[in-house]
Amino acid sequence: MANKKSVFIKTHPAILAVWAALIAVASLLPSIPVIGTGATFSISDVMIPLAGVLFGQWAGGIAAGIGGLIGQLIAPHTVIFGPFQFVLAMLGAAGAGFAMQRKWIIPIVTIAFFGIVWYFSPLGQSAWFTPIGYLVGILGALIGWFWGGKWVSSSNRTLMFVGVFLTTLAGMVCSWSAGNFWALLMFALPKEVWAAVLVIAPVQRILFALGAAIIGTPLLVGLPKISVPVGQMIYEKDDEED
């Protein structure tokens, strides 16, 4: 049996560097308002979980973290949580990467964890409704777990699109739930603030995941044609070598 190579080795460091640079540069681009929600749409918001979908949870997490850190340095106006904000990018990419690898239980447990610890804080208890929004990520992950395990690598482009949507949605909700808890502890926001974004935030993540599917599906189709293994192909090639 051949030794199984790591996902990081399967993804050339130069490719990860390019993706990290794209994430960093995207932080400089103007945000696009999402009509009817009051939210904004940034290209970097969709590229971060796509790092996990394209390159796996570990390599994708590293690329997203480096890109996020550089983005903080060149666009400090985007920094909300301080110097370690890039950790949220790593979490989002890793969550999507685990989902892509069909380990849906990991993003489900991650989302559920931050939903539960939310109630450990008195402020979280007063804004008890906030974790309800996380159900969009858990529901998406459950659909992927039971029905969409191989959709990301499907030859059917519609199924592939839905697969990318579900995996990136899971990753986005991982980082969103963690970011909410971080904000709760750091800023002590009152329940009125959380109530104001109760509907906006889930809609925002769904729209971001749709944007990620629009960008990511052509990449999953096109990159292998230039000998760049991405998505579930990384793991399928490893299995063939065993």
Protein backbone atom coordinates (compact mmCIF):
# COMPACT_ATOMS: atom_id res chain seq x y z
CA MET A 1 0.00 0.00 0.00
CA ALA A 2 1.37 3.40 -0.91
CA ASN A 3 1.87 5.92 1.82
CA LYS A 4 -0.96 8.42 1.83
CA LYS A 5 0.35 11.88 1.08
CA SER A 6 -0.87 14.90 2.99
CA VAL A 7 -3.37 17.27 1.43
CA PHE A 8 -0.86 20.07 1.90
CA ILE A 9 1.71 18.26 -0.24
CA LYS A 10 -0.94 17.60 -2.88
CA THR A 11 -1.55 21.36 -3.15
CA HIS A 12 1.47 23.22 -4.49
CA PRO A 13 2.56 26.04 -2.15
CA ALA A 14 2.62 28.45 -5.09
CA ILE A 15 -1.09 27.85 -5.67
CA LEU A 16 -1.83 28.50 -2.01
CA ALA A 17 0.25 31.68 -2.15
CA VAL A 18 -1.73 32.92 -5.15
CA TRP A 19 -5.04 32.23 -3.43
CA ALA A 20 -3.85 33.92 -0.22
CA ALA A 21 -2.81 36.95 -2.28
CA LEU A 22 -6.22 37.06 -3.95
CA ILE A 23 -7.94 37.01 -0.56
CA ALA A 24 -5.70 39.80 0.68
CA VAL A 25 -6.20 41.98 -2.40
CA ALA A 26 -9.96 41.37 -2.29
CA SER A 27 -10.06 43.06 1.11
CA LEU A 28 -9.17 46.31 -0.67
CA LEU A 29 -12.08 46.10 -3.10
CA PRO A 30 -15.21 48.13 -2.36
CA SER A 31 -18.02 46.22 -0.71
CA ILE A 32 -21.22 45.74 -2.67
CA PRO A 33 -24.48 46.49 -0.80
CA VAL A 34 -26.98 43.64 -0.64
CA ILE A 35 -30.31 45.21 -1.57
CA GLY A 36 -33.01 44.77 1.03
CA THR A 37 -30.76 43.42 3.81
CA GLY A 38 -28.54 46.35 4.79
CA ALA A 39 -25.54 44.02 4.46
CA THR A 40 -22.54 44.28 2.15
CA PHE A 41 -20.95 41.73 -0.15
CA SER A 42 -17.18 41.44 -0.48
CA ILE A 43 -15.32 39.13 -2.84
CA SER A 44 -13.07 38.08 0.04
CA ASP A 45 -16.13 36.73 1.88
CA VAL A 46 -16.63 34.09 -0.81
CA MET A 47 -12.96 33.35 -1.48
CA ILE A 48 -12.22 32.36 2.10
CA PRO A 49 -14.48 29.26 2.33
CA LEU A 50 -13.63 28.42 -1.29
CA ALA A 51 -10.04 27.93 -0.15
CA GLY A 52 -11.25 24.97 1.89
CA VAL A 53 -13.41 23.60 -0.91
CA LEU A 54 -10.63 23.82 -3.50
CA PHE A 55 -7.60 22.80 -1.45
CA GLY A 56 -8.87 20.95 1.62
CA GLN A 57 -9.29 21.92 5.25
CA TRP A 58 -5.60 22.19 6.16
CA ALA A 59 -4.11 23.76 3.06
CA GLY A 60 -7.20 25.88 2.55
CA GLY A 61 -7.16 27.01 6.17
CA ILE A 62 -3.52 28.04 5.86
CA ALA A 63 -4.18 29.97 2.63
CA ALA A 64 -7.20 31.71 4.15
CA GLY A 65 -5.30 32.56 7.32
CA ILE A 66 -2.34 34.04 5.49
CA GLY A 67 -4.60 35.93 3.11
CA GLY A 68 -6.70 37.20 5.99
CA LEU A 69 -3.64 38.34 7.94
CA ILE A 70 -2.15 40.19 4.97
CA GLY A 71 -5.57 41.68 4.27
CA GLN A 72 -5.64 43.06 7.80
CA LEU A 73 -2.28 44.73 7.27
CA ILE A 74 -3.11 46.37 3.95
CA ALA A 75 -6.73 47.18 4.81
CA PRO A 76 -6.79 47.90 8.56
CA HIS A 77 -10.26 49.47 8.25
CA THR A 78 -11.66 45.95 7.85
CA VAL A 79 -10.30 44.79 11.22
CA ILE A 80 -12.98 44.46 13.89
CA PHE A 81 -11.62 41.86 16.30
CA GLY A 82 -7.98 42.88 16.51
CA PRO A 83 -4.79 41.21 15.26
CA PHE A 84 -6.13 37.66 15.52
CA GLN A 85 -9.16 38.25 13.33
CA PHE A 86 -7.59 36.06 10.62
CA VAL A 87 -8.39 33.03 12.80
CA LEU A 88 -12.03 33.39 11.75
CA ALA A 89 -10.97 33.10 8.11
CA MET A 90 -9.06 29.92 8.92
CA LEU A 91 -12.09 28.50 10.70
CA GLY A 92 -14.39 29.28 7.78
CA ALA A 93 -12.06 27.68 5.25
CA ALA A 94 -11.44 24.63 7.43
CA GLY A 95 -15.16 24.14 8.04
CA ALA A 96 -15.86 24.20 4.30
CA GLY A 97 -12.89 21.91 3.69
CA PHE A 98 -14.16 19.28 6.12
CA ALA A 99 -17.58 19.45 4.50
CA MET A 100 -15.99 19.04 1.07
CA GLN A 101 -14.21 15.95 2.41
CA ARG A 102 -17.64 14.63 3.47
CA LYS A 103 -16.85 15.06 7.17
CA TRP A 104 -20.01 17.09 7.69
CA ILE A 105 -20.15 16.26 11.38
CA ILE A 106 -17.22 18.61 12.09
CA PRO A 107 -18.87 21.85 10.90
CA ILE A 108 -22.13 20.71 12.52
CA VAL A 109 -20.41 20.21 15.88
CA THR A 110 -18.50 23.50 15.51
CA ILE A 111 -21.66 25.48 14.83
CA ALA A 112 -23.54 23.72 17.62
CA PHE A 113 -20.67 24.37 20.05
CA PHE A 114 -20.72 28.13 19.51
CA GLY A 115 -24.50 28.09 19.62
CA ILE A 116 -24.44 26.38 23.03
CA VAL A 117 -21.67 28.45 24.65
CA TRP A 118 -23.59 31.56 23.58
CA TYR A 119 -25.98 30.87 26.45
CA PHE A 120 -23.17 30.74 29.00
CA SER A 121 -23.09 34.55 28.94
CA PRO A 122 -25.85 36.63 30.56
CA LEU A 123 -25.86 38.88 27.50
CA GLY A 124 -26.18 35.81 25.30
CA GLN A 125 -29.12 34.64 27.36
CA SER A 126 -30.83 38.00 26.86
CA ALA A 127 -30.27 37.69 23.08
CA TRP A 128 -31.37 34.05 23.14
CA PHE A 129 -32.67 34.19 19.57
CA THR A 130 -29.29 34.78 17.87
CA PRO A 131 -28.20 31.10 17.54
CA ILE A 132 -31.47 30.34 15.75
CA GLY A 133 -29.86 31.81 12.64
CA TYR A 134 -27.13 29.17 12.80
CA LEU A 135 -29.71 26.58 11.81
CA VAL A 136 -29.21 27.53 8.15
CA GLY A 137 -25.66 26.16 8.38
CA ILE A 138 -26.67 23.04 10.28
CA LEU A 139 -29.55 22.37 7.88
CA GLY A 140 -27.27 22.83 4.88
CA ALA A 141 -24.70 20.48 6.40
CA LEU A 142 -27.36 17.84 7.13
CA ILE A 143 -28.59 18.00 3.53
CA GLY A 144 -25.02 17.56 2.34
CA TRP A 145 -24.39 14.73 4.79
CA PHE A 146 -27.42 12.64 3.85
CA TRP A 147 -27.84 13.45 0.17
CA GLY A 148 -25.01 15.56 -1.23
CA GLY A 149 -21.84 13.72 -0.25
CA LYS A 150 -20.49 13.51 -3.81
CA TRP A 151 -22.14 16.55 -5.33
CA VAL A 152 -18.94 18.64 -5.28
CA SER A 153 -17.28 16.15 -7.63
CA SER A 154 -20.40 15.36 -9.68
CA SER A 155 -20.29 15.58 -13.46
CA ASN A 156 -23.70 17.22 -13.22
CA ARG A 157 -22.95 20.93 -13.00
CA THR A 158 -26.20 21.69 -11.19
CA LEU A 159 -25.40 19.18 -8.45
CA MET A 160 -21.85 20.50 -8.26
CA PHE A 161 -23.20 24.04 -7.84
CA VAL A 162 -25.47 22.92 -5.00
CA GLY A 163 -22.58 21.00 -3.42
CA VAL A 164 -20.33 24.06 -3.43
CA PHE A 165 -23.18 26.14 -2.02
CA LEU A 166 -23.74 23.71 0.87
CA THR A 167 -20.05 23.31 1.73
CA THR A 168 -19.30 27.04 1.68
CA LEU A 169 -22.47 27.78 3.66
CA ALA A 170 -21.30 25.35 6.36
CA GLY A 171 -17.90 27.05 6.49
CA MET A 172 -19.39 30.54 6.59
CA VAL A 173 -21.69 29.68 9.47
CA CYS A 174 -18.75 28.17 11.37
CA SER A 175 -16.88 31.49 11.22
CA TRP A 176 -20.07 33.51 11.75
CA SER A 177 -21.05 31.64 14.92
CA ALA A 178 -17.51 31.96 16.29
CA GLY A 179 -17.38 35.66 15.34
CA ASN A 180 -20.70 36.32 17.06
CA PHE A 181 -19.48 34.78 20.29
CA TRP A 182 -16.23 36.72 20.02
CA ALA A 183 -18.19 39.96 19.51
CA LEU A 184 -20.45 39.13 22.45
CA LEU A 185 -17.46 38.82 24.77
CA MET A 186 -15.47 41.69 23.28
CA PHE A 187 -18.11 44.37 22.75
CA ALA A 188 -20.94 43.34 25.11
CA LEU A 189 -23.54 44.31 22.51
CA PRO A 190 -27.12 44.62 23.84
CA LYS A 191 -29.92 42.37 22.67
CA GLU A 192 -31.39 45.17 20.55
CA VAL A 193 -28.34 45.06 18.26
CA TRP A 194 -28.58 41.29 17.86
CA ALA A 195 -32.31 41.56 17.17
CA ALA A 196 -31.64 44.06 14.39
CA VAL A 197 -29.47 41.57 12.48
CA LEU A 198 -31.47 38.44 13.31
CA VAL A 199 -32.87 38.11 9.78
CA ILE A 200 -30.15 40.00 7.91
CA ALA A 201 -27.23 37.80 8.98
CA PRO A 202 -28.59 34.41 7.78
CA VAL A 203 -29.72 35.94 4.47
CA GLN A 204 -26.27 37.46 4.07
CA ARG A 205 -24.54 34.08 4.51
CA ILE A 206 -26.89 32.41 2.05
CA LEU A 207 -26.16 35.09 -0.55
CA PHE A 208 -22.42 34.80 0.09
CA ALA A 209 -22.62 31.02 -0.34
CA LEU A 210 -24.46 31.49 -3.64
CA GLY A 211 -21.69 33.84 -4.74
CA ALA A 212 -19.11 31.25 -3.73
CA ALA A 213 -20.93 28.61 -5.78
CA ILE A 214 -20.99 30.91 -8.81
CA ILE A 215 -17.24 31.46 -8.56
CA GLY A 216 -16.21 28.03 -7.29
CA THR A 217 -18.09 25.75 -9.66
CA PRO A 218 -16.20 26.89 -12.80
CA LEU A 219 -12.92 26.59 -10.88
CA LEU A 220 -13.70 22.99 -9.88
CA VAL A 221 -14.39 22.24 -13.52
CA GLY A 222 -11.53 24.19 -15.07
CA LEU A 223 -8.54 23.80 -12.74
CA PRO A 224 -8.21 20.01 -13.19
CA LYS A 225 -7.98 20.64 -16.94
CA ILE A 226 -4.68 22.45 -16.31
CA SER A 227 -3.47 19.69 -13.96
CA VAL A 228 -4.41 21.41 -10.71
CA PRO A 229 -6.19 18.85 -8.46
CA VAL A 230 -8.93 20.51 -6.44
CA GLY A 231 -11.97 19.54 -4.40
CA GLN A 232 -12.71 15.90 -3.73
CA MET A 233 -10.26 14.97 -6.49
CA ILE A 234 -7.47 15.48 -3.93
CA TYR A 235 -8.80 12.66 -1.77
CA GLU A 236 -9.93 10.47 -4.65
CA LYS A 237 -6.39 10.49 -6.08
CA ASP A 238 -5.03 9.50 -2.69
CA ASP A 239 -7.48 6.59 -2.51
CA GLU A 240 -6.39 5.40 -5.96
CA GLU A 241 -2.78 5.24 -4.78
CA ASP A 242 -3.58 2.96 -1.81
